[in-house]
C-alpha atoms as a PDB file:
ATOM      1  CA  MET A   1     -54.848  31.472-163.047  1.00  0.00           C
ATOM      2  CA  VAL A   2     -55.515  27.833-163.593  1.00  0.00           C
ATOM      3  CA  LYS A   3     -54.645  25.462-160.816  1.00  0.00           C
ATOM      4  CA  HIS A   4     -52.928  22.254-161.619  1.00  0.00           C
ATOM      5  CA  ARG A   5     -54.952  19.324-160.125  1.00  0.00           C
ATOM      6  CA  ASN A   6     -54.362  15.571-159.938  1.00  0.00           C
ATOM      7  CA  ILE A   7     -57.144  13.832-161.880  1.00  0.00           C
ATOM      8  CA  PHE A   8     -56.974  10.801-159.549  1.00  0.00           C
ATOM      9  CA  LEU A   9     -57.469  13.109-156.512  1.00  0.00           C
ATOM     10  CA  VAL A  10     -60.576  14.833-158.072  1.00  0.00           C
ATOM     11  CA  TYR A  11     -62.305  11.461-158.621  1.00  0.00           C
ATOM     12  CA  LEU A  12     -61.170  10.257-155.024  1.00  0.00           C
ATOM     13  CA  PHE A  13     -62.631  13.383-153.414  1.00  0.00           C
ATOM     14  CA  MET A  14     -65.910  13.172-155.462  1.00  0.00           C
ATOM     15  CA  PHE A  15     -66.094   9.489-154.196  1.00  0.00           C
ATOM     16  CA  ILE A  16     -65.483  10.319-150.543  1.00  0.00           C
ATOM     17  CA  THR A  17     -67.819  13.265-150.450  1.00  0.00           C
ATOM     18  CA  PHE A  18     -70.523  11.541-152.373  1.00  0.00           C
ATOM     19  CA  GLY A  19     -70.409  13.887-155.359  1.00  0.00           C
ATOM     20  CA  LEU A  20     -70.335  17.201-153.308  1.00  0.00           C
ATOM     21  CA  TYR A  21     -66.689  17.812-154.394  1.00  0.00           C
ATOM     22  CA  GLY A  22     -67.795  17.500-158.043  1.00  0.00           C
ATOM     23  CA  ILE A  23     -70.029  20.612-157.722  1.00  0.00           C
ATOM     24  CA  TYR A  24     -67.081  22.506-155.880  1.00  0.00           C
ATOM     25  CA  TRP A  25     -64.752  21.355-158.706  1.00  0.00           C
ATOM     26  CA  MET A  26     -67.027  22.674-161.378  1.00  0.00           C
ATOM     27  CA  VAL A  27     -67.494  26.027-159.732  1.00  0.00           C
ATOM     28  CA  SER A  28     -63.777  26.252-159.090  1.00  0.00           C
ATOM     29  CA  THR A  29     -62.921  25.431-162.595  1.00  0.00           C
ATOM     30  CA  LYS A  30     -65.613  27.839-163.805  1.00  0.00           C
ATOM     31  CA  ASN A  31     -63.933  30.654-161.780  1.00  0.00           C
ATOM     32  CA  GLU A  32     -60.636  29.758-163.358  1.00  0.00           C
ATOM     33  CA  MET A  33     -61.996  29.633-166.930  1.00  0.00           C
ATOM     34  CA  ASN A  34     -63.720  32.981-166.338  1.00  0.00           C
ATOM     35  CA  SER A  35     -60.395  34.589-165.278  1.00  0.00           C
ATOM     36  CA  LEU A  36     -59.067  33.368-168.774  1.00  0.00           C
ATOM     37  CA  GLY A  37     -61.908  34.998-170.781  1.00  0.00           C
ATOM     38  CA  ALA A  38     -64.782  32.591-170.663  1.00  0.00           C
ATOM     39  CA  THR A  39     -68.247  33.872-169.848  1.00  0.00           C
ATOM     40  CA  ILE A  40     -69.841  31.205-167.649  1.00  0.00           C
ATOM     41  CA  PRO A  41     -72.735  32.435-165.405  1.00  0.00           C
ATOM     42  CA  THR A  42     -72.786  32.089-161.609  1.00  0.00           C
ATOM     43  CA  GLY A  43     -72.363  28.667-160.048  1.00  0.00           C
ATOM     44  CA  TRP A  44     -75.658  28.959-158.135  1.00  0.00           C
ATOM     45  CA  LEU A  45     -77.351  27.983-161.421  1.00  0.00           C
ATOM     46  CA  LEU A  46     -75.816  24.575-161.088  1.00  0.00           C
ATOM     47  CA  ILE A  47     -78.170  23.523-158.252  1.00  0.00           C
ATOM     48  CA  ILE A  48     -81.335  24.670-159.764  1.00  0.00           C
ATOM     49  CA  PRO A  49     -83.083  21.880-161.760  1.00  0.00           C
ATOM     50  CA  ILE A  50     -83.637  22.448-165.531  1.00  0.00           C
ATOM     51  CA  VAL A  51     -81.517  25.685-165.343  1.00  0.00           C
ATOM     52  CA  ASN A  52     -78.486  23.484-164.607  1.00  0.00           C
ATOM     53  CA  ILE A  53     -78.709  22.080-168.197  1.00  0.00           C
ATOM     54  CA  TYR A  54     -78.198  25.696-169.440  1.00  0.00           C
ATOM     55  CA  TRP A  55     -75.400  26.231-166.983  1.00  0.00           C
ATOM     56  CA  ILE A  56     -73.643  23.053-168.110  1.00  0.00           C
ATOM     57  CA  TYR A  57     -73.905  24.065-171.837  1.00  0.00           C
ATOM     58  CA  LYS A  58     -72.402  27.508-170.965  1.00  0.00           C
ATOM     59  CA  TYR A  59     -69.727  25.683-168.971  1.00  0.00           C
ATOM     60  CA  TYR A  60     -68.565  23.699-172.001  1.00  0.00           C
ATOM     61  CA  GLU A  61     -68.974  26.772-174.137  1.00  0.00           C
ATOM     62  CA  GLY A  62     -66.481  28.473-171.959  1.00  0.00           C
ATOM     63  CA  PHE A  63     -64.293  25.387-171.789  1.00  0.00           C
ATOM     64  CA  ALA A  64     -64.017  25.274-175.542  1.00  0.00           C
ATOM     65  CA  THR A  65     -63.143  29.001-175.501  1.00  0.00           C
ATOM     66  CA  VAL A  66     -60.374  28.578-173.030  1.00  0.00           C
ATOM     67  CA  VAL A  67     -58.587  25.554-174.300  1.00  0.00           C
ATOM     68  CA  LYS A  68     -59.027  26.697-177.909  1.00  0.00           C
ATOM     69  CA  LYS A  69     -59.015  23.083-179.048  1.00  0.00           C
ATOM     70  CA  ASP A  70     -62.224  23.257-180.912  1.00  0.00           C
ATOM     71  CA  ASN A  71     -65.312  25.315-180.814  1.00  0.00           C
ATOM     72  CA  ASN A  72     -67.794  22.314-180.700  1.00  0.00           C
ATOM     73  CA  THR A  73     -69.580  23.127-177.552  1.00  0.00           C
ATOM     74  CA  ILE A  74     -72.455  20.795-178.496  1.00  0.00           C
ATOM     75  CA  LEU A  75     -70.062  17.818-178.628  1.00  0.00           C
ATOM     76  CA  TRP A  76     -68.770  18.522-175.184  1.00  0.00           C
ATOM     77  CA  PHE A  77     -72.329  19.007-173.852  1.00  0.00           C
ATOM     78  CA  VAL A  78     -73.546  15.708-175.394  1.00  0.00           C
ATOM     79  CA  LEU A  79     -70.511  13.866-173.985  1.00  0.00           C
ATOM     80  CA  HIS A  80     -71.346  15.242-170.506  1.00  0.00           C
ATOM     81  CA  ILE A  81     -74.975  13.977-170.876  1.00  0.00           C
ATOM     82  CA  LEU A  82     -74.060  10.556-172.167  1.00  0.00           C
ATOM     83  CA  VAL A  83     -70.787   9.814-170.286  1.00  0.00           C
ATOM     84  CA  GLY A  84     -70.656  12.484-167.579  1.00  0.00           C
ATOM     85  CA  ILE A  85     -68.313  10.380-165.292  1.00  0.00           C
ATOM     86  CA  VAL A  86     -65.402  10.873-167.681  1.00  0.00           C
ATOM     87  CA  MET A  87     -65.822  14.570-168.394  1.00  0.00           C
ATOM     88  CA  PRO A  88     -64.019  15.807-165.202  1.00  0.00           C
ATOM     89  CA  ALA A  89     -60.939  13.907-166.373  1.00  0.00           C
ATOM     90  CA  ILE A  90     -61.140  15.357-169.832  1.00  0.00           C
ATOM     91  CA  VAL A  91     -61.735  18.850-168.613  1.00  0.00           C
ATOM     92  CA  GLN A  92     -58.932  18.704-165.909  1.00  0.00           C
ATOM     93  CA  LEU A  93     -56.541  17.169-168.376  1.00  0.00           C
ATOM     94  CA  GLU A  94     -56.987  20.013-170.789  1.00  0.00           C
ATOM     95  CA  LEU A  95     -56.912  22.711-168.011  1.00  0.00           C
ATOM     96  CA  ASN A  96     -53.734  21.235-166.652  1.00  0.00           C
ATOM     97  CA  LYS A  97     -52.160  21.745-170.127  1.00  0.00           C
ATOM     98  CA  VAL A  98     -53.195  25.429-169.870  1.00  0.00           C
ATOM     99  CA  ALA A  99     -51.732  25.726-166.227  1.00  0.00           C
END
């Protein structure tokens, strides 16, 4: 089950916790997307350098599967690399539609 979250609060908590909430948020949304049929690996890979690039790619692959908006994983991944600060808003907005 996908939890409806306020996008403003997601960014506020990321700011207050110096980004730690961002890691928690990604793992939480990963678990929610996996419950809807995505196949995103364990969240521990997010904290391992170099391997986290693979994990982020799989995260957006699962995201594209869950929201069924498009199947362009590479676009989501490149957007994360280029403008990563806006991606939580995009992901949460789409997940709120599913919720």
